[in-house]
Amino acid sequence: MNDRQLLRYSRHLLLDELGIEGQQKLLEAHALILGAGGLGSPVAMYLASAGVGRLTIVDDDSVDLTNLQRQIIHTEARVGLPKVDSARQTIAALNPEVIVETIARRVDAQQLTELMGRADIAIDCTDNFATRQALNHACVATRKPLVSGAAISFDGQISVYDSRDPVSPCYACVFPPTQEVEEARCSTMGVFAPIVGMVGTLQAAEALKVLCGIGSPLVGRLLLINALRTEFNEMRLLRDPACPVCGHTAHS
C-alpha cells in the first residue's frame, strides 16, 4: 500500500477487525457483479470506494429514463448508453485505481463458470430467476461465495451462499431450480427507490466481510426487509442433502 492508499483507506485501517491486512485483501480481490441496475449500483459504488481492486460488471441493458429513480450509478446524460459503460464512468470518478472489466451482453452458464474461475466472489444483482440459478451453479462449481439480493415493491431479501462452508446451503437449496417462479418486474410491480439501496448496500457489506474474512456473514440466514413498515426479519436456512446443485459436492 502506498502513502496515498494509506490515506484514502485510513478509516478502514482504524478498524481493528479490518486494518491493513483486511484492506490489502480488498485491494487484491476480484468481484463479479451480475447486474448494473438498482442493486448493482450501490454494490459497485461501495466496492469501488472501499478499494476492491478489480470489478467485472455484467449487464446487457442500456440506461433508460425510468431507471434513474433508483439506479444511482447512472445519470440522465447517459440515457441510451450501455449500463456497464455508465457504471465504469461513475467508478472511474469514485476511485480511478479500480480495474473495471465490463461485459455488455448476456452470459450463459459456461461463461459464468469461466468468469467465476477468475473472481473471488459473486454478487447477484439480477432480477431473473434462471440467471440466478446459473450464477449459483457457477459458484458451487468453482467453490466461490455468492452474495444474493432481491428487491421489489417495498420488500427486499439478502443472503450469502458459501460453498466453501460444509453447512452452507446454496441458492438452489432454498429456491429449487424446478420450482415455478412468476417473475416480478419493476416495470409492472413498481419499486420503492431506497429499498434497492438498502439491499444493495447490505450486499456490499456482506461481500467486503467475506473478502476480508471478518464478522458473521449471512451464511445460512435469509434477511427479509420491509421498508414500508421498517421491519427486518431473519429466516434460518438449511443445506438440502438432495439438492441437485450442491448435494453431491464433496466438502473438505
Protein backbone atom coordinates (compact mmCIF):
# COMPACT_ATOMS: atom_id res chain seq x y z
CA MET A 1 0.00 0.00 0.00
CA ASN A 2 1.42 3.38 -0.97
CA ASP A 3 1.07 6.62 1.01
CA ARG A 4 -1.98 7.74 -0.99
CA GLN A 5 -3.75 4.44 -0.34
CA LEU A 6 -2.88 4.58 3.36
CA LEU A 7 -4.60 7.97 3.48
CA ARG A 8 -7.54 7.04 1.26
CA TYR A 9 -8.42 3.92 3.24
CA SER A 10 -7.40 5.30 6.65
CA ARG A 11 -10.89 4.89 8.13
CA HIS A 12 -10.78 1.20 7.27
CA LEU A 13 -7.30 0.90 8.71
CA LEU A 14 -8.57 2.27 12.03
CA LEU A 15 -10.98 -0.67 12.35
CA ASP A 16 -9.34 -3.41 14.41
CA GLU A 17 -11.37 -6.08 12.60
CA LEU A 18 -10.19 -4.88 9.19
CA GLY A 19 -6.92 -2.95 9.44
CA ILE A 20 -4.05 -3.03 6.95
CA GLU A 21 -4.30 -6.78 6.41
CA GLY A 22 -8.01 -6.64 5.54
CA GLN A 23 -7.58 -3.62 3.28
CA GLN A 24 -4.77 -5.36 1.44
CA LYS A 25 -7.10 -8.32 0.83
CA LEU A 26 -9.64 -5.93 -0.70
CA LEU A 27 -7.03 -4.31 -2.94
CA GLU A 28 -6.07 -7.76 -4.25
CA ALA A 29 -9.68 -9.01 -4.60
CA HIS A 30 -11.72 -9.54 -7.75
CA ALA A 31 -15.52 -9.34 -7.54
CA LEU A 32 -18.05 -10.28 -10.21
CA ILE A 33 -21.17 -8.11 -10.16
CA LEU A 34 -24.04 -9.52 -12.20
CA GLY A 35 -26.40 -6.62 -12.96
CA ALA A 36 -25.79 -2.86 -13.03
CA GLY A 37 -29.26 -1.70 -12.04
CA GLY A 38 -30.90 -0.88 -8.73
CA LEU A 39 -28.92 -3.38 -6.66
CA GLY A 40 -25.76 -3.30 -8.73
CA SER A 41 -25.49 0.48 -8.39
CA PRO A 42 -24.71 0.65 -4.65
CA VAL A 43 -22.81 -2.65 -4.79
CA ALA A 44 -20.42 -1.42 -7.47
CA MET A 45 -20.03 2.03 -5.94
CA TYR A 46 -19.31 0.77 -2.42
CA LEU A 47 -16.95 -2.00 -3.54
CA ALA A 48 -15.06 0.53 -5.66
CA SER A 49 -14.91 3.18 -2.95
CA ALA A 50 -13.80 0.56 -0.41
CA GLY A 51 -10.88 -0.40 -2.65
CA VAL A 52 -11.77 -3.77 -4.17
CA GLY A 53 -9.05 -3.95 -6.77
CA ARG A 54 -10.89 -5.47 -9.72
CA LEU A 55 -14.57 -5.48 -10.66
CA THR A 56 -16.18 -7.41 -13.51
CA ILE A 57 -19.63 -5.95 -14.24
CA VAL A 58 -22.06 -7.86 -16.46
CA ASP A 59 -25.26 -6.30 -17.84
CA ASP A 60 -26.76 -6.34 -21.34
CA ASP A 61 -29.15 -3.41 -20.82
CA SER A 62 -28.88 0.31 -21.60
CA VAL A 63 -29.71 3.25 -19.35
CA ASP A 64 -33.36 4.28 -19.56
CA LEU A 65 -35.01 7.34 -18.07
CA THR A 66 -37.21 5.09 -15.92
CA ASN A 67 -34.08 3.63 -14.28
CA LEU A 68 -32.93 6.91 -12.77
CA GLN A 69 -35.43 6.91 -9.89
CA ARG A 70 -33.37 4.21 -8.17
CA GLN A 71 -30.28 3.22 -10.21
CA ILE A 72 -27.95 5.79 -8.70
CA ILE A 73 -24.81 4.80 -10.62
CA HIS A 74 -26.35 6.27 -13.81
CA THR A 75 -27.17 9.85 -14.81
CA GLU A 76 -29.63 11.50 -17.17
CA ALA A 77 -26.78 12.44 -19.50
CA ARG A 78 -26.09 8.72 -20.03
CA VAL A 79 -29.58 7.64 -21.12
CA GLY A 80 -29.13 5.25 -24.04
CA LEU A 81 -25.61 4.27 -23.00
CA PRO A 82 -24.89 0.63 -22.05
CA LYS A 83 -25.26 0.35 -18.29
CA VAL A 84 -21.83 -1.21 -17.92
CA ASP A 85 -20.23 1.80 -19.65
CA SER A 86 -22.17 4.21 -17.46
CA ALA A 87 -21.12 2.26 -14.37
CA ARG A 88 -17.48 2.32 -15.48
CA GLN A 89 -17.60 6.12 -15.76
CA THR A 90 -19.01 6.53 -12.25
CA ILE A 91 -16.46 4.13 -10.77
CA ALA A 92 -13.59 5.91 -12.53
CA ALA A 93 -14.73 9.15 -10.91
CA LEU A 94 -15.04 7.48 -7.49
CA ASN A 95 -11.79 5.52 -7.49
CA PRO A 96 -9.64 5.53 -10.64
CA GLU A 97 -7.35 2.82 -9.20
CA VAL A 98 -10.06 0.16 -9.52
CA ILE A 99 -9.72 -2.02 -12.62
CA VAL A 100 -13.14 -2.42 -14.24
CA GLU A 101 -13.95 -5.12 -16.79
CA THR A 102 -17.32 -4.74 -18.47
CA ILE A 103 -19.41 -7.30 -20.34
CA ALA A 104 -22.38 -5.76 -22.17
CA ARG A 105 -24.15 -8.97 -23.14
CA ARG A 106 -25.99 -11.90 -21.61
CA VAL A 107 -23.65 -14.63 -20.45
CA ASP A 108 -24.51 -18.32 -20.43
CA ALA A 109 -23.79 -20.92 -17.75
CA GLN A 110 -20.40 -21.88 -19.21
CA GLN A 111 -19.28 -18.26 -19.43
CA LEU A 112 -20.37 -17.65 -15.84
CA THR A 113 -18.29 -20.60 -14.68
CA GLU A 114 -15.30 -19.23 -16.58
CA LEU A 115 -15.81 -15.80 -15.03
CA MET A 116 -16.10 -17.27 -11.55
CA GLY A 117 -12.88 -19.19 -12.12
CA ARG A 118 -11.12 -15.81 -12.15
CA ALA A 119 -13.16 -14.00 -9.48
CA ASP A 120 -13.07 -14.32 -5.68
CA ILE A 121 -16.76 -13.61 -5.07
CA ALA A 122 -20.01 -13.07 -6.98
CA ILE A 123 -22.70 -10.54 -6.13
CA ASP A 124 -26.06 -11.36 -7.69
CA CYS A 125 -27.86 -8.14 -8.59
CA THR A 126 -30.13 -9.57 -11.28
CA ASP A 127 -33.90 -9.87 -11.50
CA ASN A 128 -34.01 -13.11 -13.48
CA PHE A 129 -34.53 -16.49 -11.79
CA ALA A 130 -32.78 -18.54 -14.49
CA THR A 131 -29.72 -16.27 -14.35
CA ARG A 132 -29.62 -16.52 -10.57
CA GLN A 133 -29.63 -20.31 -10.84
CA ALA A 134 -26.86 -20.28 -13.44
CA LEU A 135 -24.70 -18.00 -11.29
CA ASN A 136 -25.30 -20.19 -8.25
CA HIS A 137 -24.28 -23.26 -10.25
CA ALA A 138 -21.08 -21.49 -11.34
CA CYS A 139 -20.27 -20.51 -7.75
CA VAL A 140 -20.80 -24.07 -6.49
CA ALA A 141 -18.70 -25.49 -9.34
CA THR A 142 -15.80 -23.13 -8.55
CA ARG A 143 -16.39 -23.10 -4.77
CA LYS A 144 -16.71 -19.33 -4.65
CA PRO A 145 -19.04 -17.40 -2.31
CA LEU A 146 -22.22 -15.80 -3.64
CA VAL A 147 -23.98 -12.77 -2.18
CA SER A 148 -27.57 -12.80 -3.41
CA GLY A 149 -30.08 -9.97 -3.10
CA ALA A 150 -33.51 -9.14 -4.46
CA ALA A 151 -35.95 -6.25 -4.15
CA ILE A 152 -39.41 -5.40 -5.46
CA SER A 153 -42.11 -3.02 -4.29
CA PHE A 154 -41.18 -2.23 -0.64
CA ASP A 155 -39.62 -5.64 0.07
CA GLY A 156 -36.08 -6.95 -0.10
CA GLN A 157 -34.08 -10.01 0.85
CA ILE A 158 -30.41 -10.92 1.09
CA SER A 159 -28.33 -13.99 1.92
CA VAL A 160 -24.80 -15.33 1.48
CA TYR A 161 -24.25 -18.78 -0.02
CA ASP A 162 -20.72 -20.04 0.56
CA SER A 163 -19.92 -23.46 -0.89
CA ARG A 164 -16.59 -23.49 0.97
CA ASP A 165 -18.62 -23.92 4.16
CA PRO A 166 -19.89 -27.52 4.56
CA VAL A 167 -23.07 -26.39 6.35
CA SER A 168 -23.92 -23.54 3.99
CA PRO A 169 -26.87 -24.08 1.64
CA CYS A 170 -26.57 -22.92 -1.94
CA TYR A 171 -29.19 -20.76 -3.66
CA ALA A 172 -30.80 -23.88 -5.17
CA CYS A 173 -31.25 -25.44 -1.72
CA VAL A 174 -33.53 -22.54 -0.81
CA PHE A 175 -35.05 -21.81 -4.22
CA PRO A 176 -35.10 -25.12 -6.15
CA PRO A 177 -34.48 -24.75 -9.89
CA THR A 178 -37.53 -26.89 -10.61
CA GLN A 179 -40.00 -24.64 -8.82
CA GLU A 180 -42.23 -22.45 -10.93
CA VAL A 181 -41.50 -18.78 -10.40
CA GLU A 182 -43.53 -15.84 -11.58
CA GLU A 183 -41.01 -13.16 -12.43
CA ALA A 184 -41.81 -9.86 -10.70
CA ARG A 185 -40.76 -6.92 -12.85
CA CYS A 186 -40.17 -3.36 -11.65
CA SER A 187 -41.98 -2.12 -14.76
CA THR A 188 -45.24 -3.74 -13.66
CA MET A 189 -44.87 -4.07 -9.87
CA GLY A 190 -43.07 -0.84 -9.06
CA VAL A 191 -40.16 -0.47 -6.66
CA PHE A 192 -39.55 1.95 -3.78
CA ALA A 193 -36.28 3.69 -4.64
CA PRO A 194 -34.49 3.26 -1.26
CA ILE A 195 -35.22 -0.48 -0.94
CA VAL A 196 -32.71 -1.33 -3.68
CA GLY A 197 -30.20 0.89 -1.90
CA MET A 198 -30.86 -0.85 1.41
CA VAL A 199 -30.41 -4.32 -0.09
CA GLY A 200 -27.50 -3.35 -2.34
CA THR A 201 -25.61 -1.64 0.47
CA LEU A 202 -26.03 -4.74 2.63
CA GLN A 203 -24.82 -6.89 -0.26
CA ALA A 204 -21.71 -4.72 -0.50
CA ALA A 205 -21.16 -5.02 3.25
CA GLU A 206 -21.51 -8.80 3.15
CA ALA A 207 -19.13 -9.05 0.19
CA LEU A 208 -16.48 -6.93 1.94
CA LYS A 209 -16.82 -9.03 5.12
CA VAL A 210 -16.43 -12.28 3.18
CA LEU A 211 -13.42 -10.97 1.24
CA CYS A 212 -11.72 -9.80 4.45
CA GLY A 213 -12.78 -12.85 6.47
CA ILE A 214 -14.35 -10.77 9.23
CA GLY A 215 -17.61 -10.75 11.18
CA SER A 216 -20.53 -13.10 10.70
CA PRO A 217 -21.79 -13.07 7.11
CA LEU A 218 -25.39 -14.03 6.34
CA VAL A 219 -24.48 -17.66 5.65
CA GLY A 220 -27.43 -19.93 6.43
CA ARG A 221 -29.60 -16.88 7.07
CA LEU A 222 -32.06 -15.02 4.87
CA LEU A 223 -32.61 -11.40 5.90
CA LEU A 224 -36.04 -10.06 4.93
CA ILE A 225 -36.62 -6.31 4.78
CA ASN A 226 -39.91 -4.42 4.56
CA ALA A 227 -39.26 -0.72 4.01
CA LEU A 228 -42.94 0.25 4.29
CA ARG A 229 -43.07 -0.93 7.92
CA THR A 230 -39.30 -0.63 8.53
CA GLU A 231 -39.15 -4.26 9.63
CA PHE A 232 -36.22 -6.66 9.48
CA ASN A 233 -36.81 -10.39 9.91
CA GLU A 234 -34.46 -13.33 9.62
CA MET A 235 -35.04 -16.90 8.48
CA ARG A 236 -32.64 -19.76 9.15
CA LEU A 237 -31.68 -21.73 6.04
CA LEU A 238 -30.53 -25.34 5.91
CA ARG A 239 -28.49 -27.15 3.30
CA ASP A 240 -30.50 -29.69 1.32
CA PRO A 241 -28.59 -33.00 1.07
CA ALA A 242 -30.67 -33.83 -2.01
CA CYS A 243 -30.01 -30.50 -3.72
CA PRO A 244 -29.41 -31.09 -7.45
CA VAL A 245 -26.65 -28.47 -7.46
CA CYS A 246 -24.65 -28.85 -4.27
CA GLY A 247 -25.99 -32.13 -2.82
CA HIS A 248 -23.32 -34.22 -4.49
CA THR A 249 -20.49 -31.78 -3.77
CA ALA A 250 -17.74 -33.21 -1.59
CA HIS A 251 -16.74 -30.74 1.10
CA SER A 252 -13.36 -30.98 2.70
